[in-house]
Amino acid sequence: MGMTIAEKIIARAAGVDNVKAGDIHTVEVDQLLSNDGTTHLTIDMYNNQLKHPHIADVKKLIWVVDHNVPADSPKTAASQKKMRDFAREHNITFYEGQGVCHQIMMEHHVCPGELIFGADSHTCAYGALGAFGTGVGCTDYLYAMVTGKSWVLVPETLRFHLNGKLPEGVYARDLILTIIGMIGANGANYKAMEFTGEGLKTLTMSDRISICNLCVEAGAKTALMEVDDIAMEYLHQHGREPKACFTSDSDAVFAASYEIDLSTVVPIVAKPHFVDNVCPAKEAAGIHIDEAFLGSCNNGRIEDLRAGAALIKGRKVHPLVRFLVVPASQAVYQEALKEGILQTFMDAGAIVMNPNCSVCWGSCQGVIGEGETLISTGTRNFKGRAGHKDSFVYLASAATVTASAIKGEITVADMLDC
């Protein structure tokens, strides 16, 4: 019997010829990401609960301070100092203030064919480069850190065959929100979501990262895409080579298969308080907003900033709206600076921030108050995600967020001048 991409990556990591859904295998982990959201807990367990603490292979570890940058309180400063000191003591690859962990991983570390554990749920973004990225808790992270190994229950795979091309003014963000709405927040629980088809070739690397990143919001264990010329060009631009490039066999077994016609996708918003609570953006038009956010590991890349800047150039942010623009990494920030994009946003009245998780994380920048409404390119819209428990978060594409910031209410780009 043939194997899926997910099964082939696990077989490689387990050192076996064949695996199937439902098997449990001991695997060698290729890379281990952690950020300031939980690393201090891992360090405490390492120092206080292990009889013989050691790191199996320090070259596999990448630690990133990105969730609260710069530190917002003495408590945050202390946890980040603990992380910084430990990384320096053990010579761990360490980034601080250079961007969101998943963007940094894609720019500098992820290679096709790898099995990567991240102490963050959106690690599934790495499937855009044909890597099996999955989020783990501190205990599993610590075990892999000290042994270099872990165990994996081989997931079933849902296959999404993409046909056609997205219409003008519709984005990958709209596509993945549509899919999450279609299958539901539990529709891919502990499954791999695999994307293939001719339509995939019409999507940029930024599009692909955006799609894979949000698959966890349907419960997915991981997300995966075939490695094609677009992925290989991105990899070579960043000076890396694949570990292995896998495609699913013709006789691979899928739990379900879906045909997606990209040409039918429309601008989407996810309404409070669940990511699968979606509707066409035009159906939410007119809802007042207090704040807009363009950034995050899902939509903070240069392509997203370009889309927003093209809409807001020559216009102004609505006087009752706070519009935060947060590039996903220093590289994105520098490119946006060079292209004049940041100047365009500032001329319009937006607040341009340093690269970090910002409003998506909801704890250090742009926190919204009681009764306030945010429209966001962040990853989640759960109750209290961006501030007060009685606030409201809508999720949308960079274009819809920017258009809404201009109008002061939820709208789409083609309604701006109506």
Protein backbone atom coordinates (compact mmCIF):
# COMPACT_ATOMS: atom_id res chain seq x y z
CA MET A 1 0.00 0.00 0.00
CA GLY A 2 1.24 3.48 -0.86
CA MET A 3 1.93 6.28 1.61
CA THR A 4 0.90 9.90 1.99
CA ILE A 5 3.41 12.74 2.39
CA ALA A 6 2.86 12.71 6.16
CA GLU A 7 3.46 8.96 6.34
CA LYS A 8 6.64 9.21 4.25
CA ILE A 9 8.11 11.91 6.49
CA ILE A 10 7.34 9.89 9.62
CA ALA A 11 8.82 6.75 8.02
CA ARG A 12 12.00 8.69 7.28
CA ALA A 13 12.14 10.02 10.85
CA ALA A 14 11.48 6.55 12.26
CA GLY A 15 14.05 4.86 10.02
CA VAL A 16 11.53 2.38 8.61
CA ASP A 17 10.32 1.60 5.11
CA ASN A 18 6.60 1.86 5.65
CA VAL A 19 4.10 3.29 8.14
CA LYS A 20 0.32 3.56 8.11
CA ALA A 21 -2.27 5.69 9.89
CA GLY A 22 -2.77 4.53 13.47
CA ASP A 23 0.79 3.23 13.92
CA ILE A 24 2.90 4.62 16.76
CA HIS A 25 6.59 5.14 15.98
CA THR A 26 9.64 6.41 17.79
CA VAL A 27 11.09 9.18 15.64
CA GLU A 28 14.20 11.32 15.36
CA VAL A 29 13.21 14.98 15.45
CA ASP A 30 15.05 17.24 12.98
CA GLN A 31 14.44 20.63 14.62
CA LEU A 32 12.93 21.94 17.84
CA LEU A 33 11.43 25.44 18.01
CA SER A 34 10.39 27.22 21.17
CA ASN A 35 9.36 30.79 21.95
CA ASP A 36 8.93 33.02 24.96
CA GLY A 37 5.33 31.92 25.48
CA THR A 38 6.41 28.72 27.25
CA THR A 39 10.20 28.28 27.15
CA HIS A 40 10.62 29.42 30.74
CA LEU A 41 8.48 26.45 31.80
CA THR A 42 10.69 24.06 29.83
CA ILE A 43 13.79 25.54 31.47
CA ASP A 44 12.29 25.11 34.94
CA MET A 45 11.54 21.44 34.24
CA TYR A 46 15.02 20.95 32.79
CA ASN A 47 16.72 22.47 35.85
CA ASN A 48 14.46 21.11 38.59
CA GLN A 49 13.00 17.79 37.46
CA LEU A 50 15.78 15.98 35.58
CA LYS A 51 18.34 13.85 37.41
CA HIS A 52 20.91 14.21 34.63
CA PRO A 53 19.97 17.27 32.55
CA HIS A 54 21.61 17.48 29.15
CA ILE A 55 20.76 18.45 25.58
CA ALA A 56 20.99 15.69 22.97
CA ASP A 57 21.92 17.96 20.04
CA VAL A 58 22.00 21.70 20.61
CA LYS A 59 22.15 22.31 16.84
CA LYS A 60 18.52 21.19 16.59
CA LEU A 61 17.24 23.90 18.94
CA ILE A 62 15.94 27.29 17.76
CA TRP A 63 14.58 29.66 20.38
CA VAL A 64 12.76 32.88 19.54
CA VAL A 65 11.56 35.76 21.71
CA ASP A 66 8.56 37.07 19.77
CA HIS A 67 5.36 37.04 21.82
CA ASN A 68 5.98 40.05 24.08
CA VAL A 69 8.57 42.25 22.36
CA PRO A 70 9.76 44.39 23.97
CA ALA A 71 8.93 43.03 27.42
CA ASP A 72 5.69 44.50 28.79
CA SER A 73 6.21 43.83 32.52
CA PRO A 74 8.84 42.80 35.08
CA LYS A 75 7.38 39.28 35.03
CA THR A 76 7.81 39.03 31.25
CA ALA A 77 11.30 40.52 31.48
CA ALA A 78 12.28 37.86 34.03
CA SER A 79 11.00 34.95 31.92
CA GLN A 80 12.74 36.31 28.82
CA LYS A 81 15.98 36.80 30.76
CA LYS A 82 15.77 33.18 31.91
CA MET A 83 15.41 32.11 28.28
CA ARG A 84 18.18 34.43 27.08
CA ASP A 85 20.64 33.30 29.77
CA PHE A 86 19.95 29.60 29.22
CA ALA A 87 20.36 29.96 25.45
CA ARG A 88 23.67 31.76 25.92
CA GLU A 89 24.92 29.18 28.44
CA HIS A 90 24.10 26.24 26.15
CA ASN A 91 24.92 27.90 22.82
CA ILE A 92 21.35 27.57 21.51
CA THR A 93 20.43 29.37 18.28
CA PHE A 94 18.57 32.40 19.59
CA TYR A 95 16.54 35.22 18.05
CA GLU A 96 15.15 38.22 19.89
CA GLY A 97 13.24 41.07 18.32
CA GLN A 98 13.85 39.72 14.83
CA GLY A 99 10.32 38.63 14.12
CA VAL A 100 7.66 36.00 14.66
CA CYS A 101 9.04 32.51 15.25
CA HIS A 102 7.32 30.83 12.29
CA GLN A 103 8.41 33.48 9.84
CA ILE A 104 11.99 33.21 11.13
CA MET A 105 11.84 29.44 10.81
CA MET A 106 10.63 29.67 7.20
CA GLU A 107 13.24 32.27 6.29
CA HIS A 108 16.20 30.55 7.94
CA HIS A 109 15.64 26.93 8.96
CA VAL A 110 12.81 24.77 7.56
CA CYS A 111 13.73 22.18 4.91
CA PRO A 112 11.44 19.80 2.99
CA GLY A 113 11.16 16.31 4.41
CA GLU A 114 11.93 17.29 7.99
CA LEU A 115 9.99 16.44 11.14
CA ILE A 116 9.87 19.57 13.29
CA PHE A 117 8.40 20.00 16.76
CA GLY A 118 7.48 23.47 17.92
CA ALA A 119 6.21 24.59 21.30
CA ASP A 120 3.58 26.59 19.43
CA SER A 121 0.45 25.32 17.73
CA HIS A 122 1.02 27.10 14.40
CA THR A 123 4.17 25.08 13.68
CA CYS A 124 2.07 23.38 10.99
CA ALA A 125 2.98 26.40 8.79
CA TYR A 126 6.14 24.53 7.76
CA GLY A 127 4.11 22.26 5.51
CA ALA A 128 4.33 25.05 2.94
CA LEU A 129 7.88 23.75 2.39
CA GLY A 130 6.93 20.07 2.59
CA ALA A 131 8.01 19.67 6.23
CA PHE A 132 5.95 17.92 8.92
CA GLY A 133 5.66 20.66 11.53
CA THR A 134 3.53 20.09 14.59
CA GLY A 135 2.93 21.80 17.90
CA VAL A 136 3.81 20.10 21.19
CA GLY A 137 3.59 20.93 24.87
CA CYS A 138 6.51 21.64 27.19
CA THR A 139 6.85 18.06 28.43
CA ASP A 140 7.08 16.59 24.93
CA TYR A 141 9.42 19.39 23.92
CA LEU A 142 11.70 18.71 26.89
CA TYR A 143 11.82 14.98 26.16
CA ALA A 144 12.83 15.62 22.54
CA MET A 145 15.33 18.22 23.70
CA VAL A 146 17.17 15.82 26.01
CA THR A 147 16.87 12.65 23.89
CA GLY A 148 16.60 13.94 20.31
CA LYS A 149 13.63 11.61 19.89
CA SER A 150 9.92 11.42 20.49
CA TRP A 151 6.94 9.32 19.47
CA VAL A 152 4.30 10.02 16.85
CA LEU A 153 0.91 8.48 16.24
CA VAL A 154 0.70 8.43 12.44
CA PRO A 155 -2.25 10.63 11.45
CA GLU A 156 -4.82 9.99 8.78
CA THR A 157 -4.70 12.51 5.92
CA LEU A 158 -7.38 14.72 4.42
CA ARG A 159 -6.55 15.67 0.86
CA PHE A 160 -7.58 19.02 -0.66
CA HIS A 161 -7.23 19.09 -4.42
CA LEU A 162 -7.07 22.70 -5.61
CA ASN A 163 -8.29 23.64 -9.08
CA GLY A 164 -8.40 26.97 -10.91
CA LYS A 165 -7.17 30.30 -9.60
CA LEU A 166 -8.29 32.75 -6.93
CA PRO A 167 -10.18 35.75 -8.34
CA GLU A 168 -8.70 39.24 -8.22
CA GLY A 169 -9.06 40.68 -4.73
CA VAL A 170 -9.37 37.26 -3.08
CA TYR A 171 -6.49 35.87 -1.05
CA ALA A 172 -5.14 32.64 0.40
CA ARG A 173 -6.43 33.79 3.77
CA ASP A 174 -9.96 33.76 2.33
CA LEU A 175 -9.34 30.25 0.98
CA ILE A 176 -8.23 28.68 4.25
CA LEU A 177 -11.01 30.38 6.23
CA THR A 178 -13.46 28.99 3.66
CA ILE A 179 -12.04 25.49 4.14
CA ILE A 180 -12.13 25.75 7.94
CA GLY A 181 -15.74 26.90 7.72
CA MET A 182 -16.51 23.98 5.41
CA ILE A 183 -15.03 21.17 7.54
CA GLY A 184 -15.40 22.83 10.95
CA ALA A 185 -13.05 23.54 13.85
CA ASN A 186 -12.90 19.81 14.62
CA GLY A 187 -12.98 18.65 11.03
CA ALA A 188 -9.32 17.66 10.88
CA ASN A 189 -8.71 16.62 14.49
CA TYR A 190 -5.34 14.81 14.67
CA LYS A 191 -5.23 14.52 10.90
CA ALA A 192 -2.83 15.85 8.30
CA MET A 193 -4.26 18.29 5.77
CA GLU A 194 -2.55 17.81 2.41
CA PHE A 195 -2.90 20.31 -0.46
CA THR A 196 -2.24 19.43 -4.07
CA GLY A 197 -3.54 20.04 -7.60
CA GLU A 198 -2.96 22.49 -10.43
CA GLY A 199 -4.40 25.30 -8.31
CA LEU A 200 -1.49 24.96 -5.90
CA LYS A 201 0.84 26.17 -8.64
CA THR A 202 -1.00 29.52 -8.73
CA LEU A 203 -0.21 30.18 -5.06
CA THR A 204 2.91 31.99 -3.87
CA MET A 205 5.01 30.85 -0.92
CA SER A 206 3.35 33.56 1.17
CA ASP A 207 -0.05 32.11 0.20
CA ARG A 208 1.06 28.61 1.08
CA ILE A 209 2.41 29.60 4.49
CA SER A 210 -0.86 31.37 5.25
CA ILE A 211 -2.87 28.26 4.35
CA CYS A 212 -0.76 25.73 6.27
CA ASN A 213 -0.42 28.02 9.28
CA LEU A 214 -4.18 28.11 9.94
CA CYS A 215 -4.82 24.38 9.50
CA VAL A 216 -4.48 23.85 13.24
CA GLU A 217 -7.67 25.90 13.58
CA ALA A 218 -9.46 22.92 12.02
CA GLY A 219 -7.73 20.66 14.55
CA ALA A 220 -5.02 19.41 12.19
CA LYS A 221 -1.91 17.67 13.49
CA THR A 222 0.00 19.10 10.55
CA ALA A 223 -0.43 20.52 7.06
CA LEU A 224 1.56 19.55 3.99
CA MET A 225 2.07 20.62 0.40
CA GLU A 226 3.95 19.02 -2.44
CA VAL A 227 7.38 20.55 -3.04
CA ASP A 228 7.34 22.10 -6.51
CA ASP A 229 9.42 24.66 -8.41
CA ILE A 230 7.96 27.55 -6.40
CA ALA A 231 8.95 25.95 -3.11
CA MET A 232 12.39 25.01 -4.41
CA GLU A 233 13.02 28.55 -5.66
CA TYR A 234 12.14 29.92 -2.22
CA LEU A 235 14.44 27.38 -0.59
CA HIS A 236 17.36 28.24 -2.88
CA GLN A 237 16.81 31.97 -2.40
CA HIS A 238 17.33 31.34 1.29
CA GLY A 239 20.43 29.17 0.77
CA ARG A 240 19.04 25.77 1.72
CA GLU A 241 18.58 22.33 0.21
CA PRO A 242 15.80 19.80 0.98
CA LYS A 243 16.28 16.79 3.21
CA ALA A 244 13.75 14.95 1.03
CA CYS A 245 10.90 15.88 -1.31
CA PHE A 246 7.87 13.68 -0.95
CA THR A 247 4.59 13.30 -2.83
CA SER A 248 1.75 10.98 -1.94
CA ASP A 249 1.64 7.69 -3.82
CA SER A 250 -1.17 7.08 -6.30
CA ASP A 251 -2.48 4.27 -4.09
CA ALA A 252 -2.12 6.17 -0.80
CA VAL A 253 -5.14 5.99 1.50
CA PHE A 254 -6.87 9.24 2.48
CA ALA A 255 -9.52 9.64 5.16
CA ALA A 256 -11.37 11.99 2.80
CA SER A 257 -10.72 14.00 -0.34
CA TYR A 258 -12.10 17.40 -1.29
CA GLU A 259 -12.18 19.22 -4.61
CA ILE A 260 -11.77 22.99 -4.18
CA ASP A 261 -12.48 25.37 -7.07
CA LEU A 262 -10.39 28.43 -6.26
CA SER A 263 -12.39 30.59 -8.65
CA THR A 264 -15.46 30.31 -6.39
CA VAL A 265 -13.75 31.69 -3.26
CA VAL A 266 -14.87 35.15 -2.04
CA PRO A 267 -13.54 37.50 0.67
CA ILE A 268 -14.34 35.93 4.04
CA VAL A 269 -14.53 36.98 7.67
CA ALA A 270 -14.55 34.69 10.68
CA LYS A 271 -16.98 36.12 13.21
CA PRO A 272 -16.56 35.95 17.02
CA HIS A 273 -15.74 33.74 18.81
CA PHE A 274 -14.68 30.79 16.62
CA VAL A 275 -12.48 30.53 13.54
CA ASP A 276 -15.01 28.30 11.76
CA ASN A 277 -17.81 30.85 12.27
CA VAL A 278 -17.29 32.24 8.76
CA CYS A 279 -19.36 34.19 6.28
CA PRO A 280 -18.73 36.22 3.13
CA ALA A 281 -17.19 39.53 4.20
CA LYS A 282 -19.99 41.47 2.50
CA GLU A 283 -22.50 39.85 4.88
CA ALA A 284 -20.62 41.40 7.82
CA ALA A 285 -20.33 44.81 6.14
CA GLY A 286 -21.26 47.76 8.30
CA ILE A 287 -20.14 46.35 11.65
CA HIS A 288 -18.30 49.11 13.53
CA ILE A 289 -14.65 48.46 14.43
CA ASP A 290 -12.39 50.14 16.95
CA GLU A 291 -9.09 48.61 15.87
CA ALA A 292 -7.53 46.86 12.89
CA PHE A 293 -4.42 44.69 12.86
CA LEU A 294 -2.28 43.71 9.89
CA GLY A 295 0.47 41.29 10.87
CA SER A 296 1.12 37.92 12.60
CA CYS A 297 2.67 34.64 11.46
CA ASN A 298 -0.33 34.22 9.17
CA ASN A 299 -0.43 37.54 7.31
CA GLY A 300 2.59 39.69 8.15
CA ARG A 301 4.69 39.02 5.06
CA ILE A 302 5.67 41.55 2.41
CA GLU A 303 2.88 40.44 0.05
CA ASP A 304 0.29 41.20 2.76
CA LEU A 305 1.80 44.62 3.45
CA ARG A 306 1.84 45.39 -0.27
CA ALA A 307 -1.86 44.50 -0.55
CA GLY A 308 -2.73 46.77 2.35
CA ALA A 309 -0.51 49.63 1.19
CA ALA A 310 -2.00 49.55 -2.32
CA LEU A 311 -5.46 50.11 -0.81
CA ILE A 312 -4.57 52.79 1.72
CA LYS A 313 -2.24 54.88 -0.47
CA GLY A 314 -3.78 58.34 -0.78
CA ARG A 315 -6.41 57.51 1.86
CA LYS A 316 -6.58 57.87 5.64
CA VAL A 317 -7.31 55.55 8.54
CA HIS A 318 -10.77 56.31 9.91
CA PRO A 319 -10.46 58.80 12.80
CA LEU A 320 -12.17 56.42 15.24
CA VAL A 321 -9.95 53.43 14.35
CA ARG A 322 -6.51 52.39 15.57
CA PHE A 323 -4.68 50.58 12.76
CA LEU A 324 -1.59 48.58 13.78
CA VAL A 325 0.74 47.34 11.05
CA VAL A 326 3.30 44.79 12.23
CA PRO A 327 5.76 43.15 9.78
CA ALA A 328 6.40 39.47 10.56
CA SER A 329 10.21 39.75 10.55
CA GLN A 330 13.08 42.18 10.23
CA ALA A 331 13.57 41.07 6.63
CA VAL A 332 9.94 41.92 5.86
CA TYR A 333 10.25 45.24 7.73
CA GLN A 334 13.38 46.20 5.80
CA GLU A 335 11.82 45.31 2.45
CA ALA A 336 8.68 47.29 3.30
CA LEU A 337 10.88 50.21 4.33
CA LYS A 338 12.82 50.04 1.06
CA GLU A 339 9.62 49.92 -1.02
CA GLY A 340 8.08 52.89 0.82
CA ILE A 341 5.27 50.74 2.19
CA LEU A 342 5.81 51.73 5.81
CA GLN A 343 5.79 55.40 4.84
CA THR A 344 2.50 54.85 3.01
CA PHE A 345 0.92 53.35 6.11
CA MET A 346 2.25 56.08 8.39
CA ASP A 347 1.10 58.82 6.00
CA ALA A 348 -2.37 57.30 6.23
CA GLY A 349 -2.31 57.39 10.04
CA ALA A 350 -1.46 53.76 10.80
CA ILE A 351 0.80 52.78 13.70
CA VAL A 352 3.79 50.79 12.44
CA MET A 353 5.24 48.46 15.08
CA ASN A 354 8.40 46.37 15.47
CA PRO A 355 8.27 42.75 14.22
CA ASN A 356 6.53 40.56 16.82
CA CYS A 357 3.29 38.68 17.51
CA SER A 358 1.59 41.87 18.70
CA VAL A 359 -2.22 41.99 18.69
CA CYS A 360 -2.60 38.36 17.61
CA TRP A 361 -1.19 37.31 20.98
CA GLY A 362 -3.29 39.94 22.74
CA SER A 363 -1.03 40.68 25.67
CA CYS A 364 1.44 43.42 24.84
CA GLN A 365 0.37 45.69 21.98
CA GLY A 366 -3.01 46.99 20.91
CA VAL A 367 -5.01 45.15 23.56
CA ILE A 368 -8.68 45.97 23.11
CA GLY A 369 -11.05 46.94 25.88
CA GLU A 370 -14.50 45.95 27.01
CA GLY A 371 -17.05 46.04 24.20
CA GLU A 372 -14.46 46.93 21.56
CA THR A 373 -14.20 45.26 18.17
CA LEU A 374 -11.03 44.29 16.33
CA ILE A 375 -10.65 43.11 12.75
CA SER A 376 -7.44 41.15 12.44
CA THR A 377 -5.16 39.10 10.24
CA GLY A 378 -4.17 37.19 13.37
CA THR A 379 -4.70 33.49 13.84
CA ARG A 380 -7.54 33.28 16.37
CA ASN A 381 -10.69 35.08 17.44
CA PHE A 382 -11.52 33.23 20.65
CA LYS A 383 -13.26 35.11 23.45
CA GLY A 384 -10.72 37.38 25.15
CA ARG A 385 -7.98 36.52 22.62
CA ALA A 386 -7.04 40.16 22.00
CA GLY A 387 -7.87 41.71 25.33
CA HIS A 388 -11.00 42.04 27.44
CA LYS A 389 -13.19 38.95 27.74
CA ASP A 390 -16.13 41.00 26.51
CA SER A 391 -14.46 42.20 23.32
CA PHE A 392 -14.96 40.94 19.75
CA VAL A 393 -12.47 39.74 17.14
CA TYR A 394 -13.18 39.26 13.44
CA LEU A 395 -10.59 37.57 11.22
CA ALA A 396 -10.05 38.56 7.59
CA SER A 397 -7.44 39.05 4.87
CA ALA A 398 -4.95 41.91 4.76
CA ALA A 399 -7.06 43.63 2.10
CA THR A 400 -10.31 43.36 4.06
CA VAL A 401 -8.63 44.50 7.28
CA THR A 402 -7.10 47.52 5.56
CA ALA A 403 -10.34 48.46 3.79
CA SER A 404 -12.16 48.22 7.12
CA ALA A 405 -9.56 50.42 8.82
CA ILE A 406 -10.20 53.07 6.19
CA LYS A 407 -13.99 52.95 6.41
CA GLY A 408 -14.30 52.45 10.17
CA GLU A 409 -16.50 49.41 9.70
CA ILE A 410 -16.13 45.97 8.17
CA THR A 411 -16.00 46.27 4.41
CA VAL A 412 -14.23 44.81 1.39
CA ALA A 413 -11.96 46.62 -1.00
CA ASP A 414 -14.50 46.96 -3.82
CA MET A 415 -16.97 48.64 -1.43
CA LEU A 416 -14.55 51.37 -0.31
CA ASP A 417 -15.90 54.04 -2.62
CA CYS A 418 -19.54 53.05 -2.30
